[in-house]
Amino acid sequence: MTIYQNLLNTILLILISFLSGSLMISYWLGRIKGKDVRSFGNGNPGAINAFKAVGWHLGILAMLLDFLKGAIPIFLINHFLGISDARLIPIAIAPVLGHAYSPFLDFKGGKTMAVTFGIWSGLTLWEAPMVLGLSFIILKYVIRIKNDAWSVVLGMPTILIYLLLRNPDPILIMIFVLNYIIVIVKHRKELRIKIG
C-alpha cells in the first residue's frame, strides 16, 4: 500500500469514527417521544438527560447506543484491521469529538462520557472502563463528591494510572491525554461549582 493510499484510508476511518460518534441518539430518542432532552437536567443532549426526559427504558437504550457508537468502530479498527500505530490516535478520538461537537446539533454535542467508555472498551476491552467506572463509584459514593463534573475530572486519571501500570503504550497515553482534554472542556462550566 502506498503512502497516499494509507493516508486516504486513515482519513476515511477518522471520518467514519467521527460520524459514528456524532449520531445524537439520546436526542433523537427523546424527539421520538416528543421531548427535547436538552430541556432537562444540565441541558446536555446525552443519555443522562434522556433518562430524565423519557424514562429509564429509553434512557438505558440511549446510554447503550452512545457507548456502542464509540466501542464498535474503535474495536473493529483496532482489533480487526490491526491499526495500533499513531494512526489510531485521531481515529480513536474521532467518536469523542463527534459526540462533543456533533454536526447534527450545530456542533453542540454531549459531555462524551458514554462514548469515552466506548472507545476505551474498543481499545482495552473491559479493563479501562472497569477501572474508570470503579473510580466514579468511589468518588461519588465513598468520598461523596456531589458534583458529577468533578467526579468525572478526578476519576479520568485512573485510566492513565491503569495504562502506566498495565500497558504504557505511548499511543494509548496520547489518546488518553486528548480524551481528557475534551472531557475537561465539555465539563468546564460545571467545574466552577464547588466539589462537595
N, C-alpha and C. Protein backbone atom coordinates (compact mmCIF):
# COMPACT_ATOMS: atom_id res chain seq x y z
N MET A 1 0.85 -1.18 0.00
CA MET A 1 0.00 0.00 0.00
C MET A 1 0.90 1.25 0.00
N THR A 2 0.59 2.18 -0.87
CA THR A 2 1.39 3.39 -0.95
C THR A 2 1.06 4.33 0.20
N ILE A 3 1.92 5.32 0.41
CA ILE A 3 1.70 6.32 1.46
C ILE A 3 0.39 7.06 1.20
N TYR A 4 0.12 7.35 -0.07
CA TYR A 4 -1.10 8.06 -0.46
C TYR A 4 -2.34 7.23 -0.10
N GLN A 5 -2.33 5.94 -0.42
CA GLN A 5 -3.46 5.06 -0.09
C GLN A 5 -3.63 4.93 1.42
N ASN A 6 -2.51 4.82 2.12
CA ASN A 6 -2.53 4.71 3.57
C ASN A 6 -3.17 5.96 4.19
N LEU A 7 -2.79 7.14 3.68
CA LEU A 7 -3.34 8.39 4.17
C LEU A 7 -4.84 8.47 3.90
N LEU A 8 -5.24 8.10 2.69
CA LEU A 8 -6.68 8.12 2.35
C LEU A 8 -7.47 7.16 3.23
N ASN A 9 -6.94 5.99 3.46
CA ASN A 9 -7.62 5.01 4.32
C ASN A 9 -7.76 5.54 5.75
N THR A 10 -6.69 6.18 6.24
CA THR A 10 -6.73 6.73 7.60
C THR A 10 -7.78 7.84 7.68
N ILE A 11 -7.79 8.73 6.70
CA ILE A 11 -8.79 9.81 6.69
C ILE A 11 -10.20 9.24 6.65
N LEU A 12 -10.41 8.21 5.85
CA LEU A 12 -11.73 7.57 5.77
C LEU A 12 -12.13 6.98 7.12
N LEU A 13 -11.21 6.31 7.81
CA LEU A 13 -11.51 5.72 9.11
C LEU A 13 -11.79 6.80 10.16
N ILE A 14 -11.07 7.92 10.09
CA ILE A 14 -11.34 9.04 11.00
C ILE A 14 -12.74 9.56 10.76
N LEU A 15 -13.11 9.74 9.50
CA LEU A 15 -14.45 10.26 9.17
C LEU A 15 -15.55 9.29 9.61
N ILE A 16 -15.34 8.00 9.40
CA ILE A 16 -16.33 7.01 9.82
C ILE A 16 -16.49 7.05 11.35
N SER A 17 -15.37 7.12 12.06
CA SER A 17 -15.41 7.16 13.52
C SER A 17 -16.08 8.44 14.01
N PHE A 18 -15.76 9.57 13.38
CA PHE A 18 -16.37 10.85 13.76
C PHE A 18 -17.87 10.80 13.51
N LEU A 19 -18.27 10.29 12.35
CA LEU A 19 -19.70 10.21 12.02
C LEU A 19 -20.43 9.32 13.01
N SER A 20 -19.83 8.19 13.36
CA SER A 20 -20.44 7.30 14.35
C SER A 20 -20.66 8.03 15.66
N GLY A 21 -19.63 8.73 16.14
CA GLY A 21 -19.74 9.46 17.40
C GLY A 21 -20.73 10.60 17.34
N SER A 22 -20.91 11.19 16.17
CA SER A 22 -21.76 12.37 16.05
C SER A 22 -23.25 12.05 15.99
N LEU A 23 -23.60 10.78 15.89
CA LEU A 23 -25.01 10.39 15.87
C LEU A 23 -25.61 10.68 17.25
N MET A 24 -26.51 11.63 17.31
CA MET A 24 -27.06 12.09 18.59
C MET A 24 -28.27 11.24 18.99
N ILE A 25 -28.00 10.03 19.37
CA ILE A 25 -29.02 9.02 19.62
C ILE A 25 -29.94 9.42 20.77
N SER A 26 -29.36 9.91 21.87
CA SER A 26 -30.19 10.32 23.01
C SER A 26 -31.16 11.42 22.61
N TYR A 27 -30.67 12.37 21.87
CA TYR A 27 -31.51 13.48 21.41
C TYR A 27 -32.63 12.95 20.51
N TRP A 28 -32.27 12.08 19.57
CA TRP A 28 -33.27 11.56 18.63
C TRP A 28 -34.31 10.67 19.32
N LEU A 29 -33.88 9.86 20.29
CA LEU A 29 -34.85 9.05 21.03
C LEU A 29 -35.82 9.94 21.79
N GLY A 30 -35.31 11.04 22.35
CA GLY A 30 -36.19 11.99 23.01
C GLY A 30 -37.19 12.61 22.05
N ARG A 31 -36.72 12.95 20.85
CA ARG A 31 -37.61 13.56 19.85
C ARG A 31 -38.73 12.60 19.43
N ILE A 32 -38.39 11.31 19.39
CA ILE A 32 -39.42 10.31 19.05
C ILE A 32 -40.57 10.38 20.05
N LYS A 33 -40.23 10.65 21.32
CA LYS A 33 -41.24 10.76 22.38
C LYS A 33 -41.75 12.19 22.54
N GLY A 34 -41.36 13.08 21.62
CA GLY A 34 -41.84 14.46 21.67
C GLY A 34 -41.14 15.31 22.72
N LYS A 35 -39.97 14.89 23.18
CA LYS A 35 -39.23 15.63 24.20
C LYS A 35 -37.87 16.05 23.64
N ASP A 36 -37.41 17.20 24.09
CA ASP A 36 -36.06 17.65 23.78
C ASP A 36 -35.22 17.43 25.04
N VAL A 37 -34.31 16.46 25.00
CA VAL A 37 -33.54 16.12 26.19
C VAL A 37 -32.71 17.29 26.69
N ARG A 38 -32.46 18.27 25.83
CA ARG A 38 -31.69 19.45 26.23
C ARG A 38 -32.47 20.35 27.18
N SER A 39 -33.77 20.10 27.32
CA SER A 39 -34.61 20.88 28.24
C SER A 39 -34.57 20.31 29.66
N PHE A 40 -33.84 19.24 29.86
CA PHE A 40 -33.80 18.55 31.16
C PHE A 40 -32.39 18.61 31.75
N GLY A 41 -32.32 18.49 33.06
CA GLY A 41 -31.03 18.42 33.75
C GLY A 41 -30.12 19.57 33.42
N ASN A 42 -28.92 19.22 32.93
CA ASN A 42 -27.91 20.24 32.65
C ASN A 42 -27.96 20.76 31.21
N GLY A 43 -28.99 20.36 30.46
CA GLY A 43 -29.13 20.84 29.09
C GLY A 43 -28.28 20.10 28.08
N ASN A 44 -27.67 19.02 28.50
CA ASN A 44 -26.80 18.21 27.66
C ASN A 44 -27.64 17.24 26.82
N PRO A 45 -27.34 17.07 25.53
CA PRO A 45 -28.12 16.14 24.71
C PRO A 45 -27.64 14.69 24.82
N GLY A 46 -27.34 14.26 26.05
CA GLY A 46 -26.81 12.91 26.25
C GLY A 46 -27.74 11.99 27.00
N ALA A 47 -27.21 10.82 27.33
CA ALA A 47 -28.01 9.74 27.87
C ALA A 47 -28.60 10.04 29.25
N ILE A 48 -27.86 10.74 30.11
CA ILE A 48 -28.38 11.02 31.47
C ILE A 48 -29.65 11.87 31.37
N ASN A 49 -29.64 12.85 30.49
CA ASN A 49 -30.84 13.67 30.32
C ASN A 49 -31.93 12.92 29.57
N ALA A 50 -31.55 11.92 28.79
CA ALA A 50 -32.57 11.07 28.16
C ALA A 50 -33.33 10.30 29.24
N PHE A 51 -32.61 9.83 30.28
CA PHE A 51 -33.28 9.18 31.41
C PHE A 51 -34.33 10.12 32.00
N LYS A 52 -33.94 11.38 32.22
CA LYS A 52 -34.84 12.35 32.83
C LYS A 52 -36.00 12.72 31.91
N ALA A 53 -35.75 12.75 30.61
CA ALA A 53 -36.76 13.20 29.66
C ALA A 53 -37.76 12.11 29.29
N VAL A 54 -37.27 10.90 29.07
CA VAL A 54 -38.15 9.86 28.51
C VAL A 54 -38.21 8.58 29.34
N GLY A 55 -37.58 8.58 30.52
CA GLY A 55 -37.68 7.40 31.38
C GLY A 55 -36.52 6.45 31.25
N TRP A 56 -36.50 5.50 32.18
CA TRP A 56 -35.35 4.61 32.28
C TRP A 56 -35.21 3.67 31.09
N HIS A 57 -36.33 3.20 30.50
CA HIS A 57 -36.23 2.23 29.41
C HIS A 57 -35.53 2.82 28.19
N LEU A 58 -35.92 4.02 27.76
CA LEU A 58 -35.23 4.66 26.65
C LEU A 58 -33.90 5.25 27.10
N GLY A 59 -33.77 5.61 28.37
CA GLY A 59 -32.51 6.11 28.90
C GLY A 59 -31.41 5.05 28.82
N ILE A 60 -31.75 3.82 29.18
CA ILE A 60 -30.79 2.72 29.09
C ILE A 60 -30.41 2.46 27.64
N LEU A 61 -31.42 2.47 26.76
CA LEU A 61 -31.14 2.27 25.34
C LEU A 61 -30.22 3.38 24.81
N ALA A 62 -30.51 4.63 25.20
CA ALA A 62 -29.68 5.76 24.76
C ALA A 62 -28.25 5.60 25.24
N MET A 63 -28.07 5.21 26.51
CA MET A 63 -26.73 5.05 27.07
C MET A 63 -25.98 3.92 26.35
N LEU A 64 -26.66 2.81 26.12
CA LEU A 64 -26.04 1.68 25.43
C LEU A 64 -25.61 2.07 24.02
N LEU A 65 -26.49 2.74 23.29
CA LEU A 65 -26.17 3.12 21.92
C LEU A 65 -25.08 4.18 21.87
N ASP A 66 -25.07 5.11 22.82
CA ASP A 66 -23.99 6.09 22.89
C ASP A 66 -22.65 5.40 23.19
N PHE A 67 -22.68 4.40 24.04
CA PHE A 67 -21.49 3.59 24.31
C PHE A 67 -21.03 2.86 23.05
N LEU A 68 -21.96 2.22 22.37
CA LEU A 68 -21.61 1.41 21.20
C LEU A 68 -21.08 2.23 20.03
N LYS A 69 -21.54 3.48 19.91
CA LYS A 69 -21.06 4.29 18.77
C LYS A 69 -19.59 4.65 18.93
N GLY A 70 -19.05 4.52 20.15
CA GLY A 70 -17.61 4.64 20.35
C GLY A 70 -16.92 3.29 20.32
N ALA A 71 -17.55 2.29 20.92
CA ALA A 71 -16.91 0.98 21.06
C ALA A 71 -16.77 0.23 19.74
N ILE A 72 -17.83 0.19 18.96
CA ILE A 72 -17.82 -0.65 17.74
C ILE A 72 -16.77 -0.21 16.74
N PRO A 73 -16.75 1.06 16.30
CA PRO A 73 -15.74 1.40 15.29
C PRO A 73 -14.31 1.22 15.80
N ILE A 74 -14.06 1.59 17.06
CA ILE A 74 -12.69 1.51 17.57
C ILE A 74 -12.28 0.05 17.77
N PHE A 75 -13.18 -0.78 18.24
CA PHE A 75 -12.86 -2.21 18.37
C PHE A 75 -12.54 -2.81 17.01
N LEU A 76 -13.37 -2.55 16.01
CA LEU A 76 -13.15 -3.12 14.68
C LEU A 76 -11.84 -2.61 14.07
N ILE A 77 -11.59 -1.33 14.19
CA ILE A 77 -10.39 -0.74 13.60
C ILE A 77 -9.14 -1.23 14.31
N ASN A 78 -9.19 -1.29 15.63
CA ASN A 78 -8.03 -1.70 16.42
C ASN A 78 -7.77 -3.20 16.35
N HIS A 79 -8.82 -3.99 16.55
CA HIS A 79 -8.62 -5.44 16.68
C HIS A 79 -8.76 -6.22 15.37
N PHE A 80 -9.61 -5.75 14.46
CA PHE A 80 -9.78 -6.49 13.21
C PHE A 80 -8.91 -5.94 12.08
N LEU A 81 -8.82 -4.62 11.98
CA LEU A 81 -7.94 -4.04 10.97
C LEU A 81 -6.49 -3.97 11.47
N GLY A 82 -6.31 -4.14 12.78
CA GLY A 82 -4.97 -4.20 13.35
C GLY A 82 -4.24 -2.86 13.39
N ILE A 83 -4.99 -1.77 13.39
CA ILE A 83 -4.34 -0.46 13.45
C ILE A 83 -4.05 -0.14 14.91
N SER A 84 -2.76 -0.06 15.23
CA SER A 84 -2.36 0.24 16.60
C SER A 84 -1.20 1.24 16.63
N ASP A 85 -0.85 1.76 15.47
CA ASP A 85 0.22 2.75 15.41
C ASP A 85 -0.36 4.16 15.61
N ALA A 86 0.40 5.18 15.28
CA ALA A 86 -0.01 6.57 15.52
C ALA A 86 -1.32 6.94 14.82
N ARG A 87 -1.68 6.23 13.76
CA ARG A 87 -2.96 6.50 13.10
C ARG A 87 -4.14 6.27 14.04
N LEU A 88 -3.95 5.43 15.04
CA LEU A 88 -5.03 5.12 15.97
C LEU A 88 -5.42 6.34 16.81
N ILE A 89 -4.49 7.26 17.01
CA ILE A 89 -4.78 8.42 17.87
C ILE A 89 -5.96 9.24 17.32
N PRO A 90 -5.89 9.78 16.10
CA PRO A 90 -7.04 10.55 15.62
C PRO A 90 -8.28 9.69 15.37
N ILE A 91 -8.07 8.43 15.03
CA ILE A 91 -9.21 7.54 14.79
C ILE A 91 -9.98 7.31 16.10
N ALA A 92 -9.25 7.06 17.20
CA ALA A 92 -9.90 6.78 18.49
C ALA A 92 -10.54 8.02 19.10
N ILE A 93 -9.96 9.19 18.85
CA ILE A 93 -10.51 10.43 19.40
C ILE A 93 -11.71 10.90 18.59
N ALA A 94 -11.81 10.49 17.33
CA ALA A 94 -12.87 10.98 16.44
C ALA A 94 -14.29 10.75 16.98
N PRO A 95 -14.64 9.58 17.55
CA PRO A 95 -16.00 9.43 18.08
C PRO A 95 -16.29 10.37 19.25
N VAL A 96 -15.28 10.63 20.07
CA VAL A 96 -15.45 11.54 21.20
C VAL A 96 -15.70 12.96 20.68
N LEU A 97 -14.90 13.38 19.72
CA LEU A 97 -15.10 14.70 19.11
C LEU A 97 -16.44 14.78 18.40
N GLY A 98 -16.82 13.69 17.72
CA GLY A 98 -18.11 13.67 17.03
C GLY A 98 -19.27 13.87 17.98
N HIS A 99 -19.20 13.23 19.15
CA HIS A 99 -20.27 13.37 20.13
C HIS A 99 -20.22 14.75 20.78
N ALA A 100 -19.03 15.25 21.06
CA ALA A 100 -18.87 16.55 21.72
C ALA A 100 -19.29 17.71 20.82
N TYR A 101 -19.04 17.57 19.52
CA TYR A 101 -19.31 18.65 18.57
C TYR A 101 -20.04 18.10 17.35
N SER A 102 -21.23 17.60 17.59
CA SER A 102 -21.98 16.92 16.55
C SER A 102 -22.50 17.90 15.48
N PRO A 103 -22.21 17.61 14.21
CA PRO A 103 -22.78 18.45 13.14
C PRO A 103 -24.30 18.31 13.05
N PHE A 104 -24.86 17.27 13.66
CA PHE A 104 -26.31 17.09 13.65
C PHE A 104 -27.02 18.03 14.63
N LEU A 105 -26.26 18.64 15.55
CA LEU A 105 -26.83 19.59 16.50
C LEU A 105 -26.04 20.90 16.50
N ASP A 106 -25.71 21.36 15.29
CA ASP A 106 -24.98 22.63 15.14
C ASP A 106 -23.68 22.65 15.94
N PHE A 107 -23.01 21.52 15.99
CA PHE A 107 -21.72 21.36 16.68
C PHE A 107 -21.82 21.61 18.18
N LYS A 108 -23.00 21.37 18.73
CA LYS A 108 -23.21 21.45 20.18
C LYS A 108 -23.63 20.07 20.65
N GLY A 109 -22.68 19.29 21.10
CA GLY A 109 -22.98 17.92 21.47
C GLY A 109 -22.97 17.68 22.95
N GLY A 110 -22.70 16.43 23.31
CA GLY A 110 -22.80 15.99 24.69
C GLY A 110 -21.49 16.05 25.44
N LYS A 111 -21.52 15.55 26.67
CA LYS A 111 -20.38 15.60 27.59
C LYS A 111 -19.35 14.51 27.32
N THR A 112 -19.69 13.52 26.51
CA THR A 112 -18.78 12.50 25.98
C THR A 112 -18.52 11.29 26.87
N MET A 113 -19.16 11.14 28.01
CA MET A 113 -18.77 10.06 28.91
C MET A 113 -19.14 8.67 28.40
N ALA A 114 -20.35 8.49 27.86
CA ALA A 114 -20.71 7.17 27.35
C ALA A 114 -19.80 6.78 26.18
N VAL A 115 -19.49 7.74 25.32
CA VAL A 115 -18.60 7.47 24.18
C VAL A 115 -17.18 7.21 24.67
N THR A 116 -16.76 7.92 25.72
CA THR A 116 -15.44 7.67 26.30
C THR A 116 -15.35 6.23 26.81
N PHE A 117 -16.36 5.77 27.54
CA PHE A 117 -16.38 4.36 27.95
C PHE A 117 -16.31 3.46 26.72
N GLY A 118 -16.99 3.85 25.65
CA GLY A 118 -17.00 3.06 24.43
C GLY A 118 -15.64 2.94 23.78
N ILE A 119 -14.95 4.07 23.61
CA ILE A 119 -13.65 3.98 22.92
C ILE A 119 -12.65 3.17 23.74
N TRP A 120 -12.71 3.33 25.09
CA TRP A 120 -11.77 2.56 25.92
C TRP A 120 -12.13 1.09 25.94
N SER A 121 -13.39 0.75 25.74
CA SER A 121 -13.75 -0.67 25.57
C SER A 121 -13.22 -1.18 24.24
N GLY A 122 -13.30 -0.35 23.21
CA GLY A 122 -12.74 -0.74 21.92
C GLY A 122 -11.24 -0.92 21.95
N LEU A 123 -10.57 -0.17 22.82
CA LEU A 123 -9.11 -0.25 22.91
C LEU A 123 -8.62 -1.32 23.88
N THR A 124 -9.31 -1.47 25.02
CA THR A 124 -8.80 -2.37 26.08
C THR A 124 -9.82 -3.43 26.51
N LEU A 125 -10.88 -3.56 25.77
CA LEU A 125 -12.00 -4.43 26.12
C LEU A 125 -12.60 -3.95 27.43
N TRP A 126 -12.65 -4.75 28.46
CA TRP A 126 -13.35 -4.38 29.69
C TRP A 126 -12.47 -3.66 30.70
N GLU A 127 -11.16 -3.69 30.53
CA GLU A 127 -10.24 -3.28 31.60
C GLU A 127 -10.32 -1.78 31.96
N ALA A 128 -10.02 -0.89 31.02
CA ALA A 128 -10.03 0.55 31.33
C ALA A 128 -11.43 1.02 31.73
N PRO A 129 -12.50 0.59 31.06
CA PRO A 129 -13.83 1.02 31.50
C PRO A 129 -14.17 0.56 32.92
N MET A 130 -13.71 -0.62 33.30
CA MET A 130 -13.97 -1.10 34.65
C MET A 130 -13.24 -0.22 35.67
N VAL A 131 -11.98 0.10 35.39
CA VAL A 131 -11.21 0.97 36.28
C VAL A 131 -11.89 2.34 36.39
N LEU A 132 -12.31 2.89 35.26
CA LEU A 132 -12.96 4.20 35.25
C LEU A 132 -14.29 4.15 36.01
N GLY A 133 -15.08 3.14 35.76
CA GLY A 133 -16.37 3.01 36.45
C GLY A 133 -16.21 2.88 37.95
N LEU A 134 -15.24 2.07 38.39
CA LEU A 134 -14.98 1.92 39.83
C LEU A 134 -14.53 3.24 40.45
N SER A 135 -13.73 4.00 39.72
CA SER A 135 -13.28 5.29 40.26
C SER A 135 -14.46 6.23 40.44
N PHE A 136 -15.41 6.22 39.50
CA PHE A 136 -16.59 7.08 39.63
C PHE A 136 -17.43 6.67 40.83
N ILE A 137 -17.59 5.37 41.03
CA ILE A 137 -18.37 4.86 42.17
C ILE A 137 -17.72 5.29 43.49
N ILE A 138 -16.41 5.13 43.58
CA ILE A 138 -15.69 5.51 44.81
C ILE A 138 -15.81 7.01 45.05
N LEU A 139 -15.59 7.82 44.01
CA LEU A 139 -15.66 9.27 44.18
C LEU A 139 -17.06 9.73 44.58
N LYS A 140 -18.08 9.12 43.99
CA LYS A 140 -19.46 9.56 44.24
C LYS A 140 -20.02 9.02 45.55
N TYR A 141 -19.77 7.74 45.85
CA TYR A 141 -20.46 7.11 46.97
C TYR A 141 -19.59 6.88 48.21
N VAL A 142 -18.27 6.84 48.04
CA VAL A 142 -17.39 6.66 49.20
C VAL A 142 -16.83 8.02 49.64
N ILE A 143 -16.24 8.74 48.70
CA ILE A 143 -15.69 10.06 49.02
C ILE A 143 -16.82 11.11 49.05
N ARG A 144 -17.92 10.80 48.39
CA ARG A 144 -19.14 11.63 48.39
C ARG A 144 -18.97 12.99 47.71
N ILE A 145 -18.38 12.95 46.53
CA ILE A 145 -18.32 14.16 45.71
C ILE A 145 -19.67 14.29 45.00
N LYS A 146 -20.36 15.38 45.28
CA LYS A 146 -21.71 15.55 44.74
C LYS A 146 -21.71 16.09 43.32
N ASN A 147 -20.70 16.87 42.97
CA ASN A 147 -20.62 17.48 41.65
C ASN A 147 -20.12 16.43 40.65
N ASP A 148 -21.00 16.02 39.72
CA ASP A 148 -20.64 14.97 38.76
C ASP A 148 -19.45 15.35 37.89
N ALA A 149 -19.34 16.63 37.52
CA ALA A 149 -18.22 17.07 36.68
C ALA A 149 -16.89 16.85 37.39
N TRP A 150 -16.84 17.15 38.70
CA TRP A 150 -15.61 16.92 39.45
C TRP A 150 -15.33 15.43 39.59
N SER A 151 -16.37 14.61 39.75
CA SER A 151 -16.16 13.15 39.80
C SER A 151 -15.54 12.66 38.50
N VAL A 152 -16.03 13.18 37.38
CA VAL A 152 -15.51 12.79 36.06
C VAL A 152 -14.05 13.22 35.91
N VAL A 153 -13.77 14.47 36.21
CA VAL A 153 -12.42 15.00 36.01
C VAL A 153 -11.41 14.37 36.97
N LEU A 154 -11.83 14.08 38.20
CA LEU A 154 -10.93 13.42 39.14
C LEU A 154 -10.82 11.92 38.88
N GLY A 155 -11.86 11.32 38.29
CA GLY A 155 -11.85 9.89 38.02
C GLY A 155 -11.09 9.49 36.76
N MET A 156 -11.12 10.36 35.75
CA MET A 156 -10.48 10.03 34.47
C MET A 156 -9.00 9.64 34.58
N PRO A 157 -8.21 10.30 35.44
CA PRO A 157 -6.79 9.91 35.52
C PRO A 157 -6.54 8.46 35.92
N THR A 158 -7.55 7.78 36.44
CA THR A 158 -7.35 6.35 36.76
C THR A 158 -7.08 5.55 35.48
N ILE A 159 -7.57 6.04 34.34
CA ILE A 159 -7.23 5.37 33.07
C ILE A 159 -5.72 5.50 32.83
N LEU A 160 -5.18 6.68 33.07
CA LEU A 160 -3.74 6.89 32.87
C LEU A 160 -2.94 5.99 33.82
N ILE A 161 -3.36 5.92 35.07
CA ILE A 161 -2.67 5.05 36.03
C ILE A 161 -2.72 3.60 35.55
N TYR A 162 -3.90 3.16 35.12
CA TYR A 162 -4.05 1.81 34.57
C TYR A 162 -3.09 1.59 33.41
N LEU A 163 -3.04 2.56 32.48
CA LEU A 163 -2.17 2.41 31.30
C LEU A 163 -0.69 2.33 31.71
N LEU A 164 -0.29 3.19 32.64
CA LEU A 164 1.11 3.20 33.05
C LEU A 164 1.50 1.89 33.74
N LEU A 165 0.57 1.30 34.48
CA LEU A 165 0.85 0.04 35.17
C LEU A 165 0.72 -1.18 34.27
N ARG A 166 -0.27 -1.15 33.39
CA ARG A 166 -0.61 -2.33 32.60
C ARG A 166 0.02 -2.34 31.21
N ASN A 167 -0.03 -1.17 30.54
CA ASN A 167 0.43 -1.12 29.15
C ASN A 167 0.83 0.32 28.82
N PRO A 168 2.04 0.73 29.18
CA PRO A 168 2.45 2.12 28.96
C PRO A 168 2.75 2.43 27.49
N ASP A 169 1.82 2.13 26.63
CA ASP A 169 1.95 2.38 25.20
C ASP A 169 1.76 3.88 24.93
N PRO A 170 2.74 4.55 24.32
CA PRO A 170 2.63 5.99 24.08
C PRO A 170 1.40 6.37 23.24
N ILE A 171 0.96 5.48 22.37
CA ILE A 171 -0.23 5.75 21.55
C ILE A 171 -1.46 5.83 22.45
N LEU A 172 -1.63 4.87 23.34
CA LEU A 172 -2.77 4.87 24.25
C LEU A 172 -2.70 6.05 25.22
N ILE A 173 -1.50 6.38 25.66
CA ILE A 173 -1.35 7.52 26.57
C ILE A 173 -1.74 8.82 25.87
N MET A 174 -1.37 8.97 24.61
CA MET A 174 -1.75 10.16 23.86
C MET A 174 -3.26 10.21 23.64
N ILE A 175 -3.88 9.07 23.38
CA ILE A 175 -5.34 9.03 23.25
C ILE A 175 -5.98 9.48 24.56
N PHE A 176 -5.44 8.98 25.69
CA PHE A 176 -5.97 9.41 26.99
C PHE A 176 -5.85 10.92 27.16
N VAL A 177 -4.68 11.49 26.88
CA VAL A 177 -4.46 12.94 27.07
C VAL A 177 -5.47 13.74 26.27
N LEU A 178 -5.67 13.40 25.00
CA LEU A 178 -6.62 14.13 24.16
C LEU A 178 -8.06 13.93 24.65
N ASN A 179 -8.39 12.71 25.02
CA ASN A 179 -9.72 12.42 25.56
C ASN A 179 -9.98 13.22 26.83
N TYR A 180 -8.98 13.28 27.69
CA TYR A 180 -9.10 14.01 28.96
C TYR A 180 -9.30 15.52 28.72
N ILE A 181 -8.57 16.07 27.77
CA ILE A 181 -8.73 17.49 27.43
C ILE A 181 -10.16 17.77 26.97
N ILE A 182 -10.70 16.91 26.11
CA ILE A 182 -12.07 17.09 25.62
C ILE A 182 -13.06 17.01 26.77
N VAL A 183 -12.87 16.04 27.66
CA VAL A 183 -13.76 15.89 28.82
C VAL A 183 -13.72 17.14 29.69
N ILE A 184 -12.55 17.66 29.96
CA ILE A 184 -12.43 18.87 30.78
C ILE A 184 -13.14 20.05 30.09
N VAL A 185 -12.91 20.22 28.81
CA VAL A 185 -13.54 21.32 28.08
C VAL A 185 -15.06 21.19 28.13
N LYS A 186 -15.58 20.00 27.95
CA LYS A 186 -17.03 19.81 27.92
C LYS A 186 -17.67 19.94 29.31
N HIS A 187 -16.87 19.82 30.37
CA HIS A 187 -17.40 19.94 31.74
C HIS A 187 -17.00 21.25 32.41
N ARG A 188 -16.37 22.16 31.67
CA ARG A 188 -15.78 23.35 32.28
C ARG A 188 -16.77 24.21 33.05
N LYS A 189 -18.01 24.33 32.57
CA LYS A 189 -18.97 25.17 33.29
C LYS A 189 -19.30 24.58 34.66
N GLU A 190 -19.52 23.27 34.71
CA GLU A 190 -19.85 22.61 35.96
C GLU A 190 -18.68 22.57 36.92
N LEU A 191 -17.45 22.66 36.41
CA LEU A 191 -16.27 22.62 37.27
C LEU A 191 -16.10 23.89 38.09
N ARG A 192 -16.82 24.94 37.73
CA ARG A 192 -16.76 26.18 38.51
C ARG A 192 -17.56 26.05 39.81
N ILE A 193 -18.40 25.03 39.88
CA ILE A 193 -19.18 24.77 41.10
C ILE A 193 -18.31 23.96 42.05
N LYS A 194 -18.43 24.20 43.33
CA LYS A 194 -17.55 23.52 44.29
C LYS A 194 -17.72 22.00 44.24
N ILE A 195 -16.68 21.31 44.67
CA ILE A 195 -16.63 19.84 44.59
C ILE A 195 -17.71 19.20 45.44
N GLY A 196 -17.85 19.55 46.69
CA GLY A 196 -18.70 18.85 47.64
C GLY A 196 -20.16 19.02 47.49
